Protein backbone atom coordinates (compact mmCIF):
# COMPACT_ATOMS: atom_id res chain seq x y z
CA MET A 1 -4.58 14.35 9.05
CA LEU A 2 -2.77 16.73 6.77
CA SER A 3 -5.14 18.37 4.20
CA SER A 4 -2.83 17.42 1.45
CA TYR A 5 -2.56 13.73 2.34
CA PRO A 6 -5.68 12.50 0.30
CA LEU A 7 -4.01 14.17 -2.81
CA ILE A 8 -0.86 12.29 -2.12
CA ALA A 9 -2.52 8.99 -1.51
CA ARG A 10 -4.62 9.36 -4.60
CA ARG A 11 -1.63 9.92 -6.79
CA ALA A 12 0.40 7.29 -5.11
CA ALA A 13 -2.48 4.82 -5.74
CA MET A 14 -2.60 5.75 -9.53
CA PHE A 15 1.26 5.27 -9.65
CA THR A 16 0.87 1.88 -7.87
CA ALA A 17 -2.11 0.81 -10.17
CA ALA A 18 0.13 1.44 -13.15
CA ALA A 19 2.93 -0.59 -11.60
CA GLY A 20 0.34 -3.26 -10.72
CA VAL A 21 -0.88 -3.60 -14.39
CA ILE A 22 2.84 -3.79 -15.50
CA MET A 23 3.46 -6.49 -12.96
CA ILE A 24 0.50 -8.57 -13.91
CA ALA A 25 1.62 -8.32 -17.59
CA VAL A 26 5.11 -9.41 -16.76
CA SER A 27 3.82 -12.11 -14.49
CA ALA A 28 1.53 -13.48 -17.25
CA ALA A 29 4.50 -13.44 -19.65
CA VAL A 30 6.81 -15.21 -17.28
CA GLY A 31 4.37 -17.64 -15.58
CA GLY A 32 1.47 -17.97 -17.96
CA ALA A 33 -2.00 -18.03 -16.50
CA LYS A 34 -0.88 -19.07 -13.04
CA GLY A 35 1.65 -16.08 -13.19
CA ALA A 36 -1.17 -13.68 -14.05
CA VAL A 37 -3.34 -15.05 -11.18
CA GLY A 38 -0.42 -14.66 -8.83
CA GLY A 39 0.27 -11.17 -9.99
CA ALA A 40 -3.33 -10.09 -9.71
CA LEU A 41 -3.48 -11.53 -6.25
CA GLY A 42 -0.24 -9.55 -5.14
CA VAL A 43 -1.85 -6.45 -6.50
CA ALA A 44 -5.13 -7.03 -4.74
CA LEU A 45 -3.27 -7.69 -1.39
CA VAL A 46 -1.42 -4.46 -1.67
CA ALA A 47 -4.51 -2.46 -2.58
CA ALA A 48 -6.43 -3.79 0.26
CA PHE A 49 -3.65 -3.24 2.80
CA PHE A 50 -3.04 0.24 1.87
CA GLY A 51 -6.80 1.11 1.33
CA LEU A 52 -7.68 -0.26 4.76
CA THR A 53 -4.83 1.68 6.33
CA LEU A 54 -5.71 4.88 4.63
CA LEU A 55 -9.35 4.36 5.86
CA ALA A 56 -8.54 3.53 9.40
CA VAL A 57 -6.00 6.47 9.83
CA SER A 58 -8.37 8.82 8.29
CA LEU A 59 -11.18 7.96 10.73
CA ALA A 60 -8.76 7.95 13.67
CA SER A 61 -7.41 11.34 12.77
CA ARG A 62 -10.71 12.93 13.27
CA ARG A 63 -10.38 12.15 17.02
CA SER A 64 -6.68 13.20 17.38
CA GLN A 65 -3.27 13.03 15.92
CA GLN A 66 -2.25 10.62 18.72
CA ALA A 67 -5.12 8.36 17.78
CA ALA A 68 -4.03 8.45 14.11
CA MET A 69 -0.48 7.46 15.05
CA ALA A 70 -1.64 4.63 17.18
CA THR A 71 -3.95 3.42 14.47
CA ALA A 72 -1.19 3.60 11.83
CA SER A 73 1.16 1.70 14.14
CA LEU A 74 -1.52 -0.99 14.97
CA THR A 75 -2.58 -1.41 11.25
CA TYR A 76 1.18 -1.89 10.44
CA LEU A 77 1.52 -4.65 12.97
CA VAL A 78 -1.75 -6.26 11.89
CA LYS A 79 -0.58 -6.13 8.11
CA ILE A 80 2.75 -7.74 8.97
CA ILE A 81 0.99 -10.65 10.92
CA VAL A 82 -1.52 -11.16 8.12
CA LEU A 83 1.22 -11.05 5.48
CA ILE A 84 3.22 -13.69 7.47
CA PHE A 85 0.12 -15.89 7.63
CA LEU A 86 -0.67 -15.59 3.93
CA VAL A 87 2.96 -16.12 2.89
CA SER A 88 3.10 -19.23 5.06
CA ARG A 89 -0.39 -20.45 3.93
CA PHE A 90 0.27 -19.99 0.17
CA GLN A 91 3.85 -21.01 0.15
CA ASN A 92 3.14 -24.33 -2.02
CA ALA A 93 0.11 -22.97 -3.72
CA THR A 94 -0.62 -24.74 -7.03
CA ALA A 95 -3.47 -22.40 -8.23
CA PHE A 96 -1.15 -19.50 -8.79
CA ASP A 97 2.62 -18.87 -8.97
CA ASP A 98 3.55 -17.97 -5.42
CA ARG A 99 6.94 -16.26 -6.31
CA LEU A 100 5.21 -13.90 -8.71
CA PHE A 101 2.65 -13.19 -6.21
CA GLY A 102 5.42 -12.10 -3.68
CA LEU A 103 7.35 -10.29 -6.30
CA THR A 104 4.28 -8.33 -7.46
CA ALA A 105 3.42 -7.54 -3.97
CA ILE A 106 7.01 -6.18 -3.14
CA VAL A 107 7.07 -4.06 -6.40
CA CYS A 108 3.64 -2.58 -5.57
CA VAL A 109 4.56 -1.66 -1.99
CA LEU A 110 7.88 -0.20 -3.26
CA ALA A 111 5.96 1.70 -5.92
CA TYR A 112 3.34 3.16 -3.46
CA SER A 113 6.10 4.09 -0.93
CA ALA A 114 8.32 5.75 -3.60
CA ALA A 115 5.23 7.70 -5.09
CA GLN A 116 4.14 8.88 -1.53
CA ILE A 117 7.74 10.08 -0.90
CA GLY A 118 7.96 11.79 -4.35
CA TRP A 119 4.52 13.63 -4.02
CA SER A 120 5.13 14.62 -0.41
CA MET A 121 8.40 16.27 -1.35
CA ARG A 122 6.84 18.17 -4.23
CA LEU A 123 3.85 19.57 -2.37
CA LYS A 124 4.51 22.62 -0.38
CA SER A 125 2.87 22.18 2.98
CA LEU A 126 3.60 23.16 6.51
CA TYR A 127 4.52 20.15 8.75
CA VAL A 128 4.50 22.44 11.81
CA GLU A 129 1.41 24.32 12.61
CA PRO A 130 2.10 27.87 13.52
CA ASP A 131 1.03 29.22 16.79
CA ARG A 132 -2.40 30.81 16.15
CA GLU A 133 -2.67 32.61 19.39
CA ARG A 134 -0.11 35.35 18.84
């Protein structure tokens, strides 16, 4: 794993947390208590997904870069399957607003991705390791 990746992930997580707080407030204003619960569940889902991916990829990267890539691909597939299951399962939920849940999750995913891209572009790091044997 790139040595700068933990810094990028930490900054992206802080940006996403701010977006999540804003989305919970907007969800509460739009949907009341059920909207706030839906927004909070959306934030929790995104935090769990990205946290587990970060943990799995960091553990796999200790073995090799190929293992890290395979782990990232596998966790992406698992997250999509779990998301499809959750969306179908909670489609007609009455305990929380399912639309605000989905909207909050989408906004948080976009915020995390945008922050990762932004911080990656700002940091000066080598993406090709120079040949050390010369």
